């Protein structure tokens, strides 16, 4: 059985798996995102300030070196001319695949949000205004005010393209 350091436990308000998830979230957020932490972790201790700061340094700044190396490698490669295996992005096939993908993702998102609707009885402690905002009927995927201009713009770009 492992021993947990007092430094690590100093900022925890929750024990067990939830405490571990708070710590993991704090470090993953510090290295790749905005550096936020769950409310149960008091990250303002010398240990967390130091290690999260080092995590930010490594995750944000030291990662620039290999990314720039990859970019330099890509710049030095020769441009390959289009061949039979090249997928053109300026034709009807591309437009159909793109529209199909957008509609499919939109329909799936619409479907998942439709099932996630709730009412005031689900969250009795929230103010009514917030619950009403959460329960507003989502915009239809096929609302002509959205779809019409989008189709027109897509064809304009296809013709100019």
N, C-alpha and C. Protein backbone atom coordinates (compact mmCIF):
# COMPACT_ATOMS: atom_id res chain seq x y z
N UNK A 1 0.84 -1.18 0.00
CA UNK A 1 0.00 0.00 0.00
C UNK A 1 0.88 1.23 0.00
N UNK A 2 0.57 2.19 -0.90
CA UNK A 2 1.39 3.38 -1.04
C UNK A 2 1.09 4.42 0.04
N UNK A 3 2.05 5.26 0.23
CA UNK A 3 1.91 6.35 1.20
C UNK A 3 1.71 7.64 0.41
N UNK A 4 0.72 8.42 0.80
CA UNK A 4 0.45 9.69 0.15
C UNK A 4 1.13 10.78 0.96
N UNK A 5 1.85 11.65 0.26
CA UNK A 5 2.57 12.71 0.96
C UNK A 5 1.60 13.73 1.55
N UNK A 6 2.03 14.37 2.61
CA UNK A 6 1.21 15.39 3.25
C UNK A 6 1.07 16.60 2.34
N UNK A 7 2.08 16.83 1.48
CA UNK A 7 2.00 17.96 0.55
C UNK A 7 0.81 17.78 -0.40
N UNK A 8 0.66 16.58 -0.89
CA UNK A 8 -0.43 16.30 -1.82
C UNK A 8 -1.80 16.36 -1.18
N UNK A 9 -1.88 15.93 0.09
CA UNK A 9 -3.16 15.93 0.78
C UNK A 9 -3.51 17.30 1.36
N UNK A 10 -2.56 18.24 1.38
CA UNK A 10 -2.78 19.52 2.04
C UNK A 10 -3.92 20.32 1.41
N UNK A 11 -4.11 20.25 0.11
CA UNK A 11 -5.14 21.06 -0.53
C UNK A 11 -6.42 20.31 -0.83
N UNK A 12 -6.50 19.04 -0.45
CA UNK A 12 -7.68 18.24 -0.77
C UNK A 12 -8.80 18.46 0.25
N UNK A 13 -10.01 18.61 -0.26
CA UNK A 13 -11.18 18.65 0.61
C UNK A 13 -11.98 17.36 0.49
N UNK A 14 -11.69 16.57 -0.54
CA UNK A 14 -12.39 15.30 -0.76
C UNK A 14 -11.38 14.17 -0.79
N UNK A 15 -11.71 13.09 -0.14
CA UNK A 15 -10.82 11.93 -0.12
C UNK A 15 -11.27 10.93 -1.19
N UNK A 16 -10.43 9.97 -1.44
CA UNK A 16 -10.78 8.87 -2.34
C UNK A 16 -10.69 9.25 -3.81
N UNK A 17 -11.49 8.56 -4.64
CA UNK A 17 -11.40 8.75 -6.08
C UNK A 17 -11.70 10.19 -6.53
N UNK A 18 -12.63 10.86 -5.86
CA UNK A 18 -12.95 12.23 -6.27
C UNK A 18 -11.77 13.17 -6.01
N UNK A 19 -11.07 12.95 -4.92
CA UNK A 19 -9.88 13.75 -4.64
C UNK A 19 -8.81 13.53 -5.71
N UNK A 20 -8.65 12.27 -6.14
CA UNK A 20 -7.68 11.97 -7.20
C UNK A 20 -8.08 12.65 -8.51
N UNK A 21 -9.37 12.61 -8.83
CA UNK A 21 -9.81 13.25 -10.07
C UNK A 21 -9.61 14.77 -10.01
N UNK A 22 -9.74 15.36 -8.83
CA UNK A 22 -9.49 16.80 -8.68
C UNK A 22 -8.02 17.11 -8.96
N UNK A 23 -7.13 16.28 -8.46
CA UNK A 23 -5.70 16.49 -8.67
C UNK A 23 -5.35 16.30 -10.15
N UNK A 24 -5.85 15.23 -10.76
CA UNK A 24 -5.56 14.98 -12.17
C UNK A 24 -6.09 16.10 -13.06
N UNK A 25 -7.28 16.60 -12.75
CA UNK A 25 -7.85 17.69 -13.53
C UNK A 25 -7.01 18.95 -13.39
N UNK A 26 -6.55 19.24 -12.19
CA UNK A 26 -5.74 20.45 -11.97
C UNK A 26 -4.47 20.40 -12.81
N UNK A 27 -3.79 19.25 -12.82
CA UNK A 27 -2.54 19.15 -13.59
C UNK A 27 -2.79 19.13 -15.09
N UNK A 28 -3.81 18.42 -15.54
CA UNK A 28 -4.07 18.41 -16.99
C UNK A 28 -4.53 19.78 -17.46
N UNK A 29 -5.30 20.48 -16.65
CA UNK A 29 -5.73 21.83 -17.02
C UNK A 29 -4.56 22.81 -17.00
N UNK A 30 -3.66 22.65 -16.06
CA UNK A 30 -2.51 23.56 -15.98
C UNK A 30 -1.58 23.38 -17.17
N UNK A 31 -1.39 22.15 -17.62
CA UNK A 31 -0.45 21.93 -18.72
C UNK A 31 -1.03 22.28 -20.08
N UNK A 32 -2.33 22.17 -20.24
CA UNK A 32 -2.87 22.31 -21.59
C UNK A 32 -3.99 23.34 -21.74
N UNK A 33 -4.43 23.93 -20.65
CA UNK A 33 -5.63 24.75 -20.78
C UNK A 33 -5.48 26.05 -20.02
N UNK A 34 -6.43 26.35 -19.14
CA UNK A 34 -6.45 27.63 -18.45
C UNK A 34 -5.95 27.56 -17.01
N UNK A 35 -5.57 26.41 -16.54
CA UNK A 35 -5.05 26.29 -15.18
C UNK A 35 -6.11 26.30 -14.10
N UNK A 36 -7.33 25.93 -14.43
CA UNK A 36 -8.39 25.92 -13.43
C UNK A 36 -8.32 24.62 -12.63
N UNK A 37 -9.05 24.59 -11.53
CA UNK A 37 -9.11 23.39 -10.70
C UNK A 37 -10.54 23.24 -10.20
N UNK A 38 -10.91 22.02 -9.82
CA UNK A 38 -12.23 21.80 -9.22
C UNK A 38 -12.33 22.58 -7.92
N UNK A 39 -13.55 22.85 -7.50
CA UNK A 39 -13.77 23.64 -6.29
C UNK A 39 -13.28 22.91 -5.04
N UNK A 40 -13.18 21.60 -5.06
CA UNK A 40 -12.78 20.86 -3.87
C UNK A 40 -11.28 20.86 -3.63
N UNK A 41 -10.48 21.32 -4.58
CA UNK A 41 -9.03 21.33 -4.43
C UNK A 41 -8.56 22.75 -4.19
N UNK A 42 -7.95 22.94 -3.04
CA UNK A 42 -7.36 24.24 -2.74
C UNK A 42 -5.93 24.20 -3.24
N UNK A 43 -5.74 24.64 -4.47
CA UNK A 43 -4.43 24.52 -5.11
C UNK A 43 -3.49 25.64 -4.70
N UNK A 44 -3.89 26.48 -3.78
CA UNK A 44 -3.04 27.60 -3.35
C UNK A 44 -2.18 27.20 -2.15
N UNK A 45 -1.37 26.18 -2.35
CA UNK A 45 -0.40 25.74 -1.34
C UNK A 45 0.97 25.78 -2.02
N UNK A 46 2.04 25.87 -1.24
CA UNK A 46 3.37 25.91 -1.88
C UNK A 46 3.61 24.73 -2.83
N UNK A 47 3.18 23.54 -2.44
CA UNK A 47 3.40 22.35 -3.27
C UNK A 47 2.67 22.49 -4.61
N UNK A 48 1.37 22.78 -4.56
CA UNK A 48 0.60 22.87 -5.79
C UNK A 48 1.02 24.07 -6.64
N UNK A 49 1.32 25.20 -6.00
CA UNK A 49 1.78 26.37 -6.77
C UNK A 49 3.05 26.04 -7.55
N UNK A 50 3.99 25.37 -6.89
CA UNK A 50 5.26 25.05 -7.54
C UNK A 50 5.08 24.00 -8.64
N UNK A 51 4.42 22.90 -8.32
CA UNK A 51 4.30 21.82 -9.30
C UNK A 51 3.36 22.18 -10.45
N UNK A 52 2.29 22.91 -10.17
CA UNK A 52 1.41 23.34 -11.26
C UNK A 52 2.12 24.37 -12.15
N UNK A 53 2.94 25.22 -11.55
CA UNK A 53 3.73 26.17 -12.34
C UNK A 53 4.71 25.44 -13.24
N UNK A 54 5.38 24.41 -12.71
CA UNK A 54 6.28 23.62 -13.54
C UNK A 54 5.52 22.89 -14.65
N UNK A 55 4.33 22.41 -14.30
CA UNK A 55 3.48 21.76 -15.32
C UNK A 55 3.12 22.71 -16.44
N UNK A 56 2.80 23.97 -16.07
CA UNK A 56 2.50 24.98 -17.10
C UNK A 56 3.72 25.24 -17.97
N UNK A 57 4.88 25.34 -17.35
CA UNK A 57 6.11 25.59 -18.10
C UNK A 57 6.38 24.46 -19.10
N UNK A 58 6.28 23.24 -18.63
CA UNK A 58 6.55 22.09 -19.50
C UNK A 58 5.45 21.94 -20.56
N UNK A 59 4.20 22.00 -20.13
CA UNK A 59 3.09 21.75 -21.04
C UNK A 59 2.87 22.83 -22.07
N UNK A 60 3.24 24.05 -21.74
CA UNK A 60 2.96 25.15 -22.67
C UNK A 60 4.19 25.61 -23.44
N UNK A 61 5.31 25.79 -22.76
CA UNK A 61 6.46 26.40 -23.41
C UNK A 61 7.45 25.38 -23.95
N UNK A 62 7.75 24.34 -23.20
CA UNK A 62 8.72 23.36 -23.68
C UNK A 62 8.16 22.53 -24.84
N UNK A 63 6.83 22.47 -24.96
CA UNK A 63 6.23 21.74 -26.07
C UNK A 63 6.37 22.51 -27.39
N UNK A 64 6.73 23.79 -27.30
CA UNK A 64 6.91 24.58 -28.52
C UNK A 64 8.10 24.05 -29.32
N UNK A 65 9.13 23.57 -28.66
CA UNK A 65 10.34 23.11 -29.36
C UNK A 65 10.03 21.95 -30.32
N UNK A 66 9.41 20.83 -29.87
CA UNK A 66 9.14 19.78 -30.85
C UNK A 66 8.12 20.19 -31.92
N UNK A 67 7.20 21.08 -31.58
CA UNK A 67 6.23 21.53 -32.58
C UNK A 67 6.93 22.35 -33.66
N UNK A 68 7.82 23.23 -33.26
CA UNK A 68 8.59 23.99 -34.25
C UNK A 68 9.49 23.08 -35.08
N UNK A 69 10.04 22.03 -34.46
CA UNK A 69 10.87 21.08 -35.20
C UNK A 69 10.03 20.36 -36.27
N UNK A 70 8.81 19.96 -35.92
CA UNK A 70 7.93 19.32 -36.90
C UNK A 70 7.58 20.29 -38.02
N UNK A 71 7.29 21.55 -37.66
CA UNK A 71 6.96 22.55 -38.67
C UNK A 71 8.14 22.75 -39.62
N UNK A 72 9.34 22.82 -39.08
CA UNK A 72 10.52 22.97 -39.92
C UNK A 72 10.71 21.78 -40.85
N UNK A 73 10.41 20.59 -40.35
CA UNK A 73 10.52 19.39 -41.18
C UNK A 73 9.50 19.42 -42.31
N UNK A 74 8.29 19.88 -42.02
CA UNK A 74 7.26 19.95 -43.06
C UNK A 74 7.60 21.00 -44.12
N UNK A 75 8.22 22.09 -43.70
CA UNK A 75 8.58 23.15 -44.65
C UNK A 75 9.61 22.64 -45.66
N UNK A 76 10.50 21.76 -45.22
CA UNK A 76 11.56 21.27 -46.10
C UNK A 76 11.08 20.18 -47.07
N UNK A 77 9.92 19.63 -46.87
CA UNK A 77 9.43 18.58 -47.77
C UNK A 77 9.00 19.18 -49.11
N UNK A 78 9.16 18.38 -50.15
CA UNK A 78 8.74 18.82 -51.48
C UNK A 78 7.22 18.69 -51.58
N UNK A 79 6.62 19.60 -52.32
CA UNK A 79 5.18 19.54 -52.55
C UNK A 79 4.91 18.48 -53.61
N UNK A 80 4.02 17.56 -53.30
CA UNK A 80 3.69 16.50 -54.25
C UNK A 80 2.61 17.00 -55.21
N UNK A 81 2.76 16.74 -56.49
CA UNK A 81 1.70 17.16 -57.43
C UNK A 81 0.46 16.28 -57.25
N UNK A 82 -0.69 16.80 -57.59
CA UNK A 82 -1.92 15.99 -57.47
C UNK A 82 -1.82 14.73 -58.32
N UNK A 83 -2.36 13.64 -57.79
CA UNK A 83 -2.34 12.36 -58.52
C UNK A 83 -3.71 11.72 -58.41
N UNK A 84 -3.79 10.46 -58.82
CA UNK A 84 -5.07 9.74 -58.78
C UNK A 84 -5.55 9.53 -57.34
N UNK A 85 -4.64 9.53 -56.40
CA UNK A 85 -5.02 9.33 -55.00
C UNK A 85 -5.34 10.61 -54.26
N UNK A 86 -5.26 11.75 -54.91
CA UNK A 86 -5.53 13.03 -54.27
C UNK A 86 -7.02 13.29 -54.25
N UNK A 87 -7.52 13.71 -53.09
CA UNK A 87 -8.94 14.02 -52.95
C UNK A 87 -9.14 15.51 -53.20
N UNK A 88 -9.82 15.88 -54.30
CA UNK A 88 -9.99 17.31 -54.59
C UNK A 88 -11.00 17.95 -53.63
N UNK A 89 -10.71 19.18 -53.25
CA UNK A 89 -11.60 19.89 -52.33
C UNK A 89 -12.32 21.03 -53.04
N UNK A 90 -12.46 20.93 -54.34
CA UNK A 90 -13.17 21.96 -55.10
C UNK A 90 -14.06 21.30 -56.14
N UNK A 91 -15.00 20.52 -55.67
CA UNK A 91 -15.91 19.86 -56.59
C UNK A 91 -17.19 19.43 -55.90
N UNK A 92 -18.07 18.86 -56.67
CA UNK A 92 -19.36 18.43 -56.14
C UNK A 92 -19.26 17.34 -55.09
N UNK A 93 -18.33 16.40 -55.28
CA UNK A 93 -18.17 15.31 -54.31
C UNK A 93 -17.79 15.86 -52.94
N UNK A 94 -16.87 16.80 -52.93
CA UNK A 94 -16.46 17.39 -51.66
C UNK A 94 -17.62 18.13 -51.00
N UNK A 95 -18.37 18.89 -51.78
CA UNK A 95 -19.51 19.65 -51.25
C UNK A 95 -20.54 18.70 -50.65
N UNK A 96 -20.85 17.63 -51.36
CA UNK A 96 -21.84 16.67 -50.86
C UNK A 96 -21.35 16.01 -49.57
N UNK A 97 -20.09 15.59 -49.54
CA UNK A 97 -19.56 14.97 -48.32
C UNK A 97 -19.53 15.96 -47.16
N UNK A 98 -19.14 17.20 -47.43
CA UNK A 98 -19.11 18.21 -46.38
C UNK A 98 -20.50 18.50 -45.84
N UNK A 99 -21.47 18.73 -46.74
CA UNK A 99 -22.83 18.99 -46.29
C UNK A 99 -23.41 17.79 -45.54
N UNK A 100 -23.15 16.58 -46.04
CA UNK A 100 -23.63 15.39 -45.35
C UNK A 100 -23.06 15.27 -43.95
N UNK A 101 -21.77 15.56 -43.80
CA UNK A 101 -21.13 15.51 -42.49
C UNK A 101 -21.70 16.56 -41.55
N UNK A 102 -21.87 17.78 -42.05
CA UNK A 102 -22.41 18.86 -41.22
C UNK A 102 -23.84 18.53 -40.78
N UNK A 103 -24.66 18.04 -41.71
CA UNK A 103 -26.04 17.69 -41.36
C UNK A 103 -26.10 16.53 -40.37
N UNK A 104 -25.25 15.53 -40.57
CA UNK A 104 -25.23 14.39 -39.66
C UNK A 104 -24.82 14.80 -38.25
N UNK A 105 -23.74 15.55 -38.13
CA UNK A 105 -23.29 16.01 -36.81
C UNK A 105 -24.34 16.92 -36.18
N UNK A 106 -24.92 17.82 -36.99
CA UNK A 106 -25.97 18.70 -36.47
C UNK A 106 -27.18 17.93 -35.99
N UNK A 107 -27.60 16.91 -36.75
CA UNK A 107 -28.75 16.11 -36.34
C UNK A 107 -28.46 15.34 -35.05
N UNK A 108 -27.26 14.80 -34.94
CA UNK A 108 -26.91 14.08 -33.71
C UNK A 108 -26.86 15.02 -32.51
N UNK A 109 -26.32 16.22 -32.71
CA UNK A 109 -26.28 17.20 -31.63
C UNK A 109 -27.69 17.64 -31.25
N UNK A 110 -28.52 17.89 -32.24
CA UNK A 110 -29.90 18.28 -31.98
C UNK A 110 -30.63 17.19 -31.21
N UNK A 111 -30.42 15.95 -31.62
CA UNK A 111 -31.08 14.81 -30.96
C UNK A 111 -30.62 14.69 -29.51
N UNK A 112 -29.33 14.86 -29.26
CA UNK A 112 -28.84 14.71 -27.89
C UNK A 112 -29.34 15.85 -27.01
N UNK A 113 -29.45 17.06 -27.56
CA UNK A 113 -29.97 18.18 -26.77
C UNK A 113 -31.46 18.05 -26.52
N UNK A 114 -32.19 17.48 -27.46
CA UNK A 114 -33.63 17.30 -27.27
C UNK A 114 -33.90 16.36 -26.11
N UNK A 115 -33.06 15.35 -25.94
CA UNK A 115 -33.25 14.41 -24.83
C UNK A 115 -32.76 14.98 -23.51
N UNK A 116 -31.92 16.02 -23.56
CA UNK A 116 -31.36 16.58 -22.34
C UNK A 116 -32.24 17.67 -21.73
N UNK A 117 -33.35 18.01 -22.37
CA UNK A 117 -34.22 19.05 -21.83
C UNK A 117 -34.76 18.65 -20.47
N UNK A 118 -35.04 19.65 -19.68
CA UNK A 118 -35.48 19.40 -18.32
C UNK A 118 -36.53 20.44 -17.94
N UNK A 119 -37.03 20.36 -16.72
CA UNK A 119 -37.98 21.37 -16.27
C UNK A 119 -37.63 21.79 -14.84
N UNK A 120 -38.45 22.67 -14.28
CA UNK A 120 -38.15 23.24 -12.96
C UNK A 120 -38.14 22.18 -11.86
N UNK A 121 -38.86 21.07 -12.05
CA UNK A 121 -38.89 20.04 -11.01
C UNK A 121 -37.57 19.29 -10.92
N UNK A 122 -36.81 19.26 -12.00
CA UNK A 122 -35.54 18.55 -12.00
C UNK A 122 -34.51 19.26 -11.15
N UNK A 123 -34.51 20.60 -11.20
CA UNK A 123 -33.56 21.41 -10.44
C UNK A 123 -34.31 22.39 -9.56
N UNK A 124 -34.87 21.92 -8.44
CA UNK A 124 -35.70 22.81 -7.62
C UNK A 124 -34.91 23.94 -6.95
N UNK A 125 -33.59 23.80 -6.81
CA UNK A 125 -32.80 24.82 -6.12
C UNK A 125 -32.30 25.92 -7.04
N UNK A 126 -32.44 25.76 -8.35
CA UNK A 126 -31.98 26.78 -9.28
C UNK A 126 -33.05 27.84 -9.49
N UNK A 127 -32.63 29.07 -9.73
CA UNK A 127 -33.61 30.12 -10.03
C UNK A 127 -34.39 29.78 -11.30
N UNK A 128 -35.62 30.19 -11.34
CA UNK A 128 -36.51 29.87 -12.45
C UNK A 128 -35.95 30.37 -13.79
N UNK A 129 -35.31 31.55 -13.80
CA UNK A 129 -34.78 32.09 -15.05
C UNK A 129 -33.74 31.17 -15.67
N UNK A 130 -32.90 30.58 -14.82
CA UNK A 130 -31.85 29.68 -15.32
C UNK A 130 -32.48 28.41 -15.87
N UNK A 131 -33.46 27.86 -15.16
CA UNK A 131 -34.11 26.64 -15.62
C UNK A 131 -34.85 26.90 -16.93
N UNK A 132 -35.48 28.06 -17.06
CA UNK A 132 -36.18 28.37 -18.30
C UNK A 132 -35.20 28.51 -19.46
N UNK A 133 -34.01 29.06 -19.20
CA UNK A 133 -32.99 29.15 -20.23
C UNK A 133 -32.56 27.76 -20.65
N UNK A 134 -32.43 26.86 -19.68
CA UNK A 134 -32.00 25.49 -19.98
C UNK A 134 -33.07 24.72 -20.75
N UNK A 135 -34.33 25.09 -20.58
CA UNK A 135 -35.42 24.31 -21.18
C UNK A 135 -35.97 24.93 -22.44
N UNK A 136 -35.36 26.00 -22.93
CA UNK A 136 -35.86 26.61 -24.16
C UNK A 136 -35.79 25.61 -25.29
N UNK A 137 -36.79 25.67 -26.14
CA UNK A 137 -36.83 24.76 -27.28
C UNK A 137 -35.66 25.08 -28.20
N UNK A 138 -34.85 24.08 -28.53
CA UNK A 138 -33.71 24.34 -29.42
C UNK A 138 -34.18 24.70 -30.82
N UNK A 139 -33.35 25.46 -31.51
CA UNK A 139 -33.65 25.83 -32.89
C UNK A 139 -33.63 24.58 -33.75
N UNK A 140 -34.57 24.50 -34.66
CA UNK A 140 -34.65 23.35 -35.54
C UNK A 140 -33.43 23.29 -36.45
N UNK A 141 -32.98 22.10 -36.75
CA UNK A 141 -31.85 21.90 -37.66
C UNK A 141 -32.18 22.42 -39.05
N UNK A 142 -33.43 22.36 -39.43
CA UNK A 142 -33.85 22.75 -40.77
C UNK A 142 -34.58 24.09 -40.76
N UNK A 143 -34.24 24.99 -39.86
CA UNK A 143 -34.82 26.32 -39.81
C UNK A 143 -34.35 27.10 -41.04
N UNK A 144 -35.29 27.53 -41.89
CA UNK A 144 -34.93 28.15 -43.15
C UNK A 144 -34.16 29.44 -42.96
N UNK A 145 -34.35 30.13 -41.84
CA UNK A 145 -33.60 31.36 -41.57
C UNK A 145 -32.11 31.09 -41.42
N UNK A 146 -31.74 29.86 -41.09
CA UNK A 146 -30.34 29.48 -40.95
C UNK A 146 -29.86 28.74 -42.20
N UNK A 147 -30.66 27.77 -42.66
CA UNK A 147 -30.24 26.91 -43.75
C UNK A 147 -30.20 27.66 -45.09
N UNK A 148 -31.16 28.53 -45.34
CA UNK A 148 -31.22 29.25 -46.61
C UNK A 148 -29.96 30.06 -46.90
N UNK A 149 -29.58 30.98 -46.00
CA UNK A 149 -28.36 31.74 -46.25
C UNK A 149 -27.11 30.86 -46.32
N UNK A 150 -27.09 29.79 -45.54
CA UNK A 150 -25.91 28.90 -45.54
C UNK A 150 -25.76 28.22 -46.90
N UNK A 151 -26.86 27.77 -47.47
CA UNK A 151 -26.80 27.12 -48.79
C UNK A 151 -26.37 28.14 -49.85
N UNK A 152 -26.96 29.34 -49.79
CA UNK A 152 -26.58 30.38 -50.75
C UNK A 152 -25.10 30.72 -50.67
N UNK A 153 -24.59 30.89 -49.45
CA UNK A 153 -23.17 31.19 -49.27
C UNK A 153 -22.29 30.05 -49.77
N UNK A 154 -22.72 28.81 -49.53
CA UNK A 154 -21.92 27.66 -49.97
C UNK A 154 -21.81 27.64 -51.49
N UNK A 155 -22.91 27.91 -52.19
CA UNK A 155 -22.86 27.90 -53.65
C UNK A 155 -22.04 29.06 -54.19
N UNK A 156 -22.14 30.23 -53.56
CA UNK A 156 -21.31 31.37 -53.98
C UNK A 156 -19.83 31.02 -53.88
N UNK A 157 -19.45 30.39 -52.76
CA UNK A 157 -18.04 30.02 -52.58
C UNK A 157 -17.63 28.93 -53.55
N UNK A 158 -18.54 28.02 -53.87
CA UNK A 158 -18.23 26.94 -54.82
C UNK A 158 -18.00 27.51 -56.21
N UNK A 159 -18.81 28.48 -56.60
CA UNK A 159 -18.68 29.07 -57.94
C UNK A 159 -17.41 29.90 -58.04
N UNK A 160 -17.11 30.67 -56.96
CA UNK A 160 -15.89 31.48 -56.97
C UNK A 160 -14.63 30.63 -56.91
N UNK A 161 -14.72 29.47 -56.19
CA UNK A 161 -13.64 28.62 -55.83
C UNK A 161 -12.68 28.13 -56.75
